[in-house]
Amino acid sequence: MASDVKVSSKYQVVIPREIREKMGLEKGDELTVDLEGETITMRRRPKSFTEYTEGLHKGVWGDEDADQYLHRMRGEWEPKPGE
């Protein structure tokens, strides 16, 4: 869903009603603004980044338990001289 907006003299933009309603945005909600190349992205700021990122990379280690994976990787480290 794309909409055209205009930057005001105070560098403000109005989020179109249709988008505000679809997102459930209300006065006082906080957004995160990101710039990548020529693209500006606005996202609702999570109330808790911990909850937002919980399980983000679930399954990265396949069927191996994350603790077992870390233990195995640490076992492969070369000991430092004098250890």
Protein backbone atom coordinates (compact mmCIF):
# COMPACT_ATOMS: atom_id res chain seq x y z
CA MET A 1 0.00 0.00 0.00
CA ALA A 2 1.67 3.20 -1.13
CA SER A 3 0.60 6.79 -0.49
CA ASP A 4 2.13 10.12 -1.38
CA VAL A 5 2.86 12.51 1.48
CA LYS A 6 4.41 15.96 1.61
CA VAL A 7 7.24 17.08 3.89
CA SER A 8 6.22 20.21 5.83
CA SER A 9 8.41 23.22 6.54
CA LYS A 10 9.20 21.53 9.90
CA TYR A 11 10.20 18.30 8.09
CA GLN A 12 7.07 16.53 9.31
CA VAL A 13 4.89 14.11 7.36
CA VAL A 14 1.31 12.99 8.01
CA ILE A 15 0.69 9.25 7.94
CA PRO A 16 -2.41 8.74 5.80
CA ARG A 17 -5.59 7.76 7.68
CA GLU A 18 -5.95 4.44 5.84
CA ILE A 19 -2.47 3.38 6.92
CA ARG A 20 -2.95 4.65 10.52
CA GLU A 21 -6.18 2.68 10.82
CA LYS A 22 -4.74 -0.47 9.28
CA MET A 23 -1.74 -0.29 11.65
CA GLY A 24 -3.90 0.67 14.62
CA LEU A 25 -1.70 3.70 15.29
CA GLU A 26 -2.81 6.14 17.96
CA LYS A 27 -1.55 9.49 19.19
CA GLY A 28 1.65 9.04 21.17
CA ASP A 29 2.66 5.76 19.53
CA GLU A 30 6.36 5.63 18.74
CA LEU A 31 7.81 4.63 15.39
CA THR A 32 11.31 3.60 14.37
CA VAL A 33 12.57 5.28 11.20
CA ASP A 34 15.25 3.57 9.12
CA LEU A 35 17.13 4.66 6.01
CA GLU A 36 18.53 2.18 3.49
CA GLY A 37 19.78 3.77 0.30
CA GLU A 38 16.93 5.93 -1.00
CA THR A 39 14.27 4.09 1.04
CA ILE A 40 12.83 5.39 4.32
CA THR A 41 11.02 2.78 6.40
CA MET A 42 8.81 3.49 9.40
CA ARG A 43 7.87 0.71 11.82
CA ARG A 44 5.96 0.64 15.07
CA ARG A 45 8.54 0.73 17.87
CA PRO A 46 8.19 -2.45 19.93
CA LYS A 47 7.23 -1.90 23.56
CA SER A 48 9.85 -4.54 24.46
CA PHE A 49 12.79 -5.33 22.19
CA THR A 50 13.34 -8.51 24.21
CA GLU A 51 9.88 -9.82 23.33
CA TYR A 52 10.24 -8.51 19.75
CA THR A 53 13.46 -10.47 19.14
CA GLU A 54 12.54 -13.56 21.17
CA GLY A 55 12.99 -16.65 19.01
CA LEU A 56 14.31 -14.58 16.10
CA HIS A 57 16.86 -17.16 14.99
CA LYS A 58 15.05 -20.21 16.27
CA GLY A 59 16.30 -23.25 14.44
CA VAL A 60 19.62 -21.77 13.31
CA TRP A 61 21.41 -24.78 14.74
CA GLY A 62 19.05 -27.27 13.08
CA ASP A 63 18.05 -30.08 15.40
CA GLU A 64 21.01 -29.47 17.72
CA ASP A 65 20.32 -27.85 21.08
CA ALA A 66 21.86 -24.35 21.28
CA ASP A 67 23.69 -25.14 24.55
CA GLN A 68 25.14 -28.34 23.06
CA TYR A 69 26.22 -26.43 19.95
CA LEU A 70 28.03 -23.78 22.04
CA HIS A 71 29.72 -26.46 24.16
CA ARG A 72 30.91 -28.25 21.00
CA MET A 73 32.18 -25.00 19.43
CA ARG A 74 34.06 -24.02 22.59
CA GLY A 75 35.69 -27.46 22.58
CA GLU A 76 37.02 -26.78 19.08
CA TRP A 77 38.76 -23.54 20.09
CA GLU A 78 42.51 -23.74 20.00
CA PRO A 79 44.03 -23.20 23.42
CA LYS A 80 46.11 -20.07 23.84
CA PRO A 81 49.84 -20.53 24.48
CA GLY A 82 50.46 -21.35 28.13
CA GLU A 83 47.02 -22.91 28.71
